[in-house]
Amino acid sequence: MNKKPAFTMIELVFVIVVLGILASIAVPKFAATRDDAIISRARAQVSAIRSAIMTEHQRGILQGQSSWPPLIDDAHEVVGEELFDGNSSNKLLNYPIYSKNSQGGWMKLRDNDYQFYATSTNLVDFNYSIIDMTFDCDHTDANCKLLTE
């Protein structure tokens, strides 16, 4: 009688257990990587917003205007529509940052107040102050430090 080579039930169970152990180690690593990517993107957005504000202000000074650029247009529900809209004559950034009420998104609260959703429960409040010439958050907040260091 010829026996065909095959895996035994014990070998198959052993492989499944090893794959389960590897998956239990890998899944939390991927979740942390996603959070790091969201924070990195937000840091880049904050830096771009600050740079765009200063660039537009300097452009205005060269044209004889000393006012600071507006940061948002209420009609479009886009963070910094006046700064980011490709159709605007006041375009400062090439890519818009759309409002999103979830992780990794920005929302406008009031005229010069914005919130970044670092996670679904961790919010970072930003303020655009024309008087202080800043787009900043409370540096005592750990999430703020992550976004602005």
C-alpha atoms as a PDB file:
ATOM      1  CA  MET A   1       0.000   0.000   0.000  1.00  0.00           C
ATOM      2  CA  ASN A   2       1.435   3.377  -1.069  1.00  0.00           C
ATOM      3  CA  LYS A   3       1.142   6.225   1.399  1.00  0.00           C
ATOM      4  CA  LYS A   4       0.816   9.694  -0.065  1.00  0.00           C
ATOM      5  CA  PRO A   5       2.863  12.356   1.729  1.00  0.00           C
ATOM      6  CA  ALA A   6       0.586  14.714   3.669  1.00  0.00           C
ATOM      7  CA  PHE A   7       0.530  16.857   6.769  1.00  0.00           C
ATOM      8  CA  THR A   8      -0.731  15.307   9.945  1.00  0.00           C
ATOM      9  CA  MET A   9      -3.399  16.994  12.022  1.00  0.00           C
ATOM     10  CA  ILE A  10      -0.819  17.892  14.710  1.00  0.00           C
ATOM     11  CA  GLU A  11       1.398  19.635  12.163  1.00  0.00           C
ATOM     12  CA  LEU A  12      -1.540  21.660  10.854  1.00  0.00           C
ATOM     13  CA  VAL A  13      -2.590  22.691  14.372  1.00  0.00           C
ATOM     14  CA  PHE A  14       0.995  23.687  15.154  1.00  0.00           C
ATOM     15  CA  VAL A  15       1.157  25.909  12.024  1.00  0.00           C
ATOM     16  CA  ILE A  16      -2.163  27.560  12.913  1.00  0.00           C
ATOM     17  CA  VAL A  17      -0.946  28.281  16.461  1.00  0.00           C
ATOM     18  CA  VAL A  18       2.302  29.821  15.169  1.00  0.00           C
ATOM     19  CA  LEU A  19       0.366  32.009  12.688  1.00  0.00           C
ATOM     20  CA  GLY A  20      -1.954  33.114  15.497  1.00  0.00           C
ATOM     21  CA  ILE A  21       0.988  34.132  17.671  1.00  0.00           C
ATOM     22  CA  LEU A  22       2.594  36.097  14.830  1.00  0.00           C
ATOM     23  CA  ALA A  23      -0.691  37.854  14.061  1.00  0.00           C
ATOM     24  CA  SER A  24      -1.196  38.828  17.703  1.00  0.00           C
ATOM     25  CA  ILE A  25       2.239  40.483  17.654  1.00  0.00           C
ATOM     26  CA  ALA A  26       1.877  42.191  14.248  1.00  0.00           C
ATOM     27  CA  VAL A  27      -1.618  43.733  14.532  1.00  0.00           C
ATOM     28  CA  PRO A  28      -0.791  46.164  17.402  1.00  0.00           C
ATOM     29  CA  LYS A  29       2.348  47.249  15.537  1.00  0.00           C
ATOM     30  CA  PHE A  30       0.281  48.185  12.476  1.00  0.00           C
ATOM     31  CA  ALA A  31      -2.188  50.162  14.608  1.00  0.00           C
ATOM     32  CA  ALA A  32       0.650  52.197  16.135  1.00  0.00           C
ATOM     33  CA  THR A  33       2.081  52.835  12.674  1.00  0.00           C
ATOM     34  CA  ARG A  34      -1.259  54.275  11.510  1.00  0.00           C
ATOM     35  CA  ASP A  35      -1.398  56.667  14.479  1.00  0.00           C
ATOM     36  CA  ASP A  36       2.169  57.774  13.747  1.00  0.00           C
ATOM     37  CA  ALA A  37       1.226  58.461  10.127  1.00  0.00           C
ATOM     38  CA  ILE A  38      -1.759  60.594  11.194  1.00  0.00           C
ATOM     39  CA  ILE A  39       0.430  62.632  13.559  1.00  0.00           C
ATOM     40  CA  SER A  40       3.105  63.063  10.874  1.00  0.00           C
ATOM     41  CA  ARG A  41       0.540  64.271   8.340  1.00  0.00           C
ATOM     42  CA  ALA A  42      -0.916  66.711  10.889  1.00  0.00           C
ATOM     43  CA  ARG A  43       2.549  68.074  11.713  1.00  0.00           C
ATOM     44  CA  ALA A  44       3.123  68.701   8.026  1.00  0.00           C
ATOM     45  CA  GLN A  45      -0.274  70.424   7.717  1.00  0.00           C
ATOM     46  CA  VAL A  46       0.371  72.692  10.720  1.00  0.00           C
ATOM     47  CA  SER A  47       3.781  73.593   9.340  1.00  0.00           C
ATOM     48  CA  ALA A  48       2.326  74.272   5.890  1.00  0.00           C
ATOM     49  CA  ILE A  49      -0.445  76.459   7.325  1.00  0.00           C
ATOM     50  CA  ARG A  50       2.053  78.498   9.350  1.00  0.00           C
ATOM     51  CA  SER A  51       4.369  78.882   6.391  1.00  0.00           C
ATOM     52  CA  ALA A  52       1.503  79.847   4.085  1.00  0.00           C
ATOM     53  CA  ILE A  53       0.267  82.505   6.500  1.00  0.00           C
ATOM     54  CA  MET A  54       3.724  84.069   6.731  1.00  0.00           C
ATOM     55  CA  THR A  55       4.278  83.880   2.969  1.00  0.00           C
ATOM     56  CA  GLU A  56       0.987  85.615   2.228  1.00  0.00           C
ATOM     57  CA  HIS A  57       1.658  88.259   4.873  1.00  0.00           C
ATOM     58  CA  GLN A  58       5.071  88.989   3.375  1.00  0.00           C
ATOM     59  CA  ARG A  59       3.537  89.139  -0.098  1.00  0.00           C
ATOM     60  CA  GLY A  60       1.014  91.646   1.233  1.00  0.00           C
ATOM     61  CA  ILE A  61       3.745  93.779   2.775  1.00  0.00           C
ATOM     62  CA  LEU A  62       5.508  93.924  -0.589  1.00  0.00           C
ATOM     63  CA  GLN A  63       2.233  95.120  -2.127  1.00  0.00           C
ATOM     64  CA  GLY A  64       1.740  97.754   0.583  1.00  0.00           C
ATOM     65  CA  GLN A  65      -0.823  95.859   2.699  1.00  0.00           C
ATOM     66  CA  SER A  66      -0.087  94.966   6.284  1.00  0.00           C
ATOM     67  CA  SER A  67      -3.150  92.838   7.067  1.00  0.00           C
ATOM     68  CA  TRP A  68      -3.017  89.131   7.767  1.00  0.00           C
ATOM     69  CA  PRO A  69      -4.750  86.710   5.400  1.00  0.00           C
ATOM     70  CA  PRO A  70      -8.062  85.132   6.382  1.00  0.00           C
ATOM     71  CA  LEU A  71      -7.797  81.466   7.276  1.00  0.00           C
ATOM     72  CA  ILE A  72     -11.216  80.122   6.332  1.00  0.00           C
ATOM     73  CA  ASP A  73     -14.253  80.747   4.197  1.00  0.00           C
ATOM     74  CA  ASP A  74     -17.419  79.616   6.003  1.00  0.00           C
ATOM     75  CA  ALA A  75     -19.269  78.859   2.786  1.00  0.00           C
ATOM     76  CA  HIS A  76     -17.080  75.907   1.881  1.00  0.00           C
ATOM     77  CA  GLU A  77     -16.556  74.054   5.180  1.00  0.00           C
ATOM     78  CA  VAL A  78     -12.918  73.555   4.318  1.00  0.00           C
ATOM     79  CA  VAL A  79     -10.179  74.424   6.760  1.00  0.00           C
ATOM     80  CA  GLY A  80      -8.462  77.427   5.293  1.00  0.00           C
ATOM     81  CA  GLU A  81     -10.574  77.624   2.138  1.00  0.00           C
ATOM     82  CA  GLU A  82      -9.198  81.102   1.476  1.00  0.00           C
ATOM     83  CA  LEU A  83      -5.697  79.696   1.836  1.00  0.00           C
ATOM     84  CA  PHE A  84      -6.069  76.364   0.111  1.00  0.00           C
ATOM     85  CA  ASP A  85      -8.683  76.582  -2.639  1.00  0.00           C
ATOM     86  CA  GLY A  86      -7.094  76.103  -6.042  1.00  0.00           C
ATOM     87  CA  ASN A  87      -9.670  78.439  -7.633  1.00  0.00           C
ATOM     88  CA  SER A  88      -9.053  81.258  -5.150  1.00  0.00           C
ATOM     89  CA  SER A  89      -6.959  84.251  -6.130  1.00  0.00           C
ATOM     90  CA  ASN A  90      -5.591  84.096  -2.569  1.00  0.00           C
ATOM     91  CA  LYS A  91      -4.287  80.517  -2.945  1.00  0.00           C
ATOM     92  CA  LEU A  92      -1.458  79.685  -0.556  1.00  0.00           C
ATOM     93  CA  LEU A  93      -1.310  75.885  -0.530  1.00  0.00           C
ATOM     94  CA  ASN A  94      -1.700  73.615  -3.523  1.00  0.00           C
ATOM     95  CA  TYR A  95      -3.855  71.000  -1.789  1.00  0.00           C
ATOM     96  CA  PRO A  96      -6.971  71.705   0.303  1.00  0.00           C
ATOM     97  CA  ILE A  97      -7.451  70.385   3.832  1.00  0.00           C
ATOM     98  CA  TYR A  98     -11.106  69.387   4.018  1.00  0.00           C
ATOM     99  CA  SER A  99     -13.147  69.367   7.194  1.00  0.00           C
ATOM    100  CA  LYS A 100     -13.564  65.919   8.660  1.00  0.00           C
ATOM    101  CA  ASN A 101     -15.095  65.096  12.031  1.00  0.00           C
ATOM    102  CA  SER A 102     -13.007  61.967  12.633  1.00  0.00           C
ATOM    103  CA  GLN A 103      -9.468  60.808  13.341  1.00  0.00           C
ATOM    104  CA  GLY A 104      -6.946  62.839  11.381  1.00  0.00           C
ATOM    105  CA  GLY A 105      -9.451  65.566  10.484  1.00  0.00           C
ATOM    106  CA  TRP A 106      -9.803  69.296  11.074  1.00  0.00           C
ATOM    107  CA  MET A 107     -12.944  71.178  12.088  1.00  0.00           C
ATOM    108  CA  LYS A 108     -13.636  74.884  12.428  1.00  0.00           C
ATOM    109  CA  LEU A 109     -15.136  75.841  15.797  1.00  0.00           C
ATOM    110  CA  ARG A 110     -15.369  79.628  15.613  1.00  0.00           C
ATOM    111  CA  ASP A 111     -13.900  82.424  13.487  1.00  0.00           C
ATOM    112  CA  ASN A 112     -10.266  81.696  14.343  1.00  0.00           C
ATOM    113  CA  ASP A 113     -10.537  78.464  16.346  1.00  0.00           C
ATOM    114  CA  TYR A 114      -9.961  75.009  14.910  1.00  0.00           C
ATOM    115  CA  GLN A 115      -9.777  71.460  16.232  1.00  0.00           C
ATOM    116  CA  PHE A 116      -7.613  68.611  15.054  1.00  0.00           C
ATOM    117  CA  TYR A 117      -8.862  65.104  15.833  1.00  0.00           C
ATOM    118  CA  ALA A 118      -5.660  63.252  16.750  1.00  0.00           C
ATOM    119  CA  THR A 119      -7.819  60.278  17.721  1.00  0.00           C
ATOM    120  CA  SER A 120     -11.549  59.929  18.209  1.00  0.00           C
ATOM    121  CA  THR A 121     -11.147  61.053  21.836  1.00  0.00           C
ATOM    122  CA  ASN A 122      -8.012  63.254  21.741  1.00  0.00           C
ATOM    123  CA  LEU A 123      -8.688  66.684  20.296  1.00  0.00           C
ATOM    124  CA  VAL A 124      -6.170  69.480  19.838  1.00  0.00           C
ATOM    125  CA  ASP A 125      -7.491  73.055  19.766  1.00  0.00           C
ATOM    126  CA  PHE A 126      -5.714  75.546  17.499  1.00  0.00           C
ATOM    127  CA  ASN A 127      -6.153  79.310  17.351  1.00  0.00           C
ATOM    128  CA  TYR A 128      -5.208  81.623  14.503  1.00  0.00           C
ATOM    129  CA  SER A 129      -4.287  84.905  16.156  1.00  0.00           C
ATOM    130  CA  ILE A 130      -3.807  87.871  13.865  1.00  0.00           C
ATOM    131  CA  ILE A 131      -2.606  89.953  16.817  1.00  0.00           C
ATOM    132  CA  ASP A 132       0.123  87.496  17.884  1.00  0.00           C
ATOM    133  CA  MET A 133       0.706  86.348  14.288  1.00  0.00           C
ATOM    134  CA  THR A 134       0.381  82.668  15.282  1.00  0.00           C
ATOM    135  CA  PHE A 135      -1.460  79.498  14.386  1.00  0.00           C
ATOM    136  CA  ASP A 136      -0.893  77.576  17.580  1.00  0.00           C
ATOM    137  CA  CYS A 137      -2.274  75.322  20.305  1.00  0.00           C
ATOM    138  CA  ASP A 138      -1.833  74.960  24.078  1.00  0.00           C
ATOM    139  CA  HIS A 139       1.691  73.606  24.570  1.00  0.00           C
ATOM    140  CA  THR A 140       0.805  72.088  27.950  1.00  0.00           C
ATOM    141  CA  ASP A 141      -1.283  69.525  26.030  1.00  0.00           C
ATOM    142  CA  ALA A 142       0.745  66.419  25.099  1.00  0.00           C
ATOM    143  CA  ASN A 143      -0.990  66.096  21.733  1.00  0.00           C
ATOM    144  CA  CYS A 144      -0.221  69.720  20.934  1.00  0.00           C
ATOM    145  CA  LYS A 145       3.448  69.061  21.604  1.00  0.00           C
ATOM    146  CA  LEU A 146       3.338  66.109  19.200  1.00  0.00           C
ATOM    147  CA  LEU A 147       1.964  68.331  16.446  1.00  0.00           C
ATOM    148  CA  THR A 148       4.162  71.377  16.915  1.00  0.00           C
ATOM    149  CA  GLU A 149       7.602  70.200  18.056  1.00  0.00           C
END
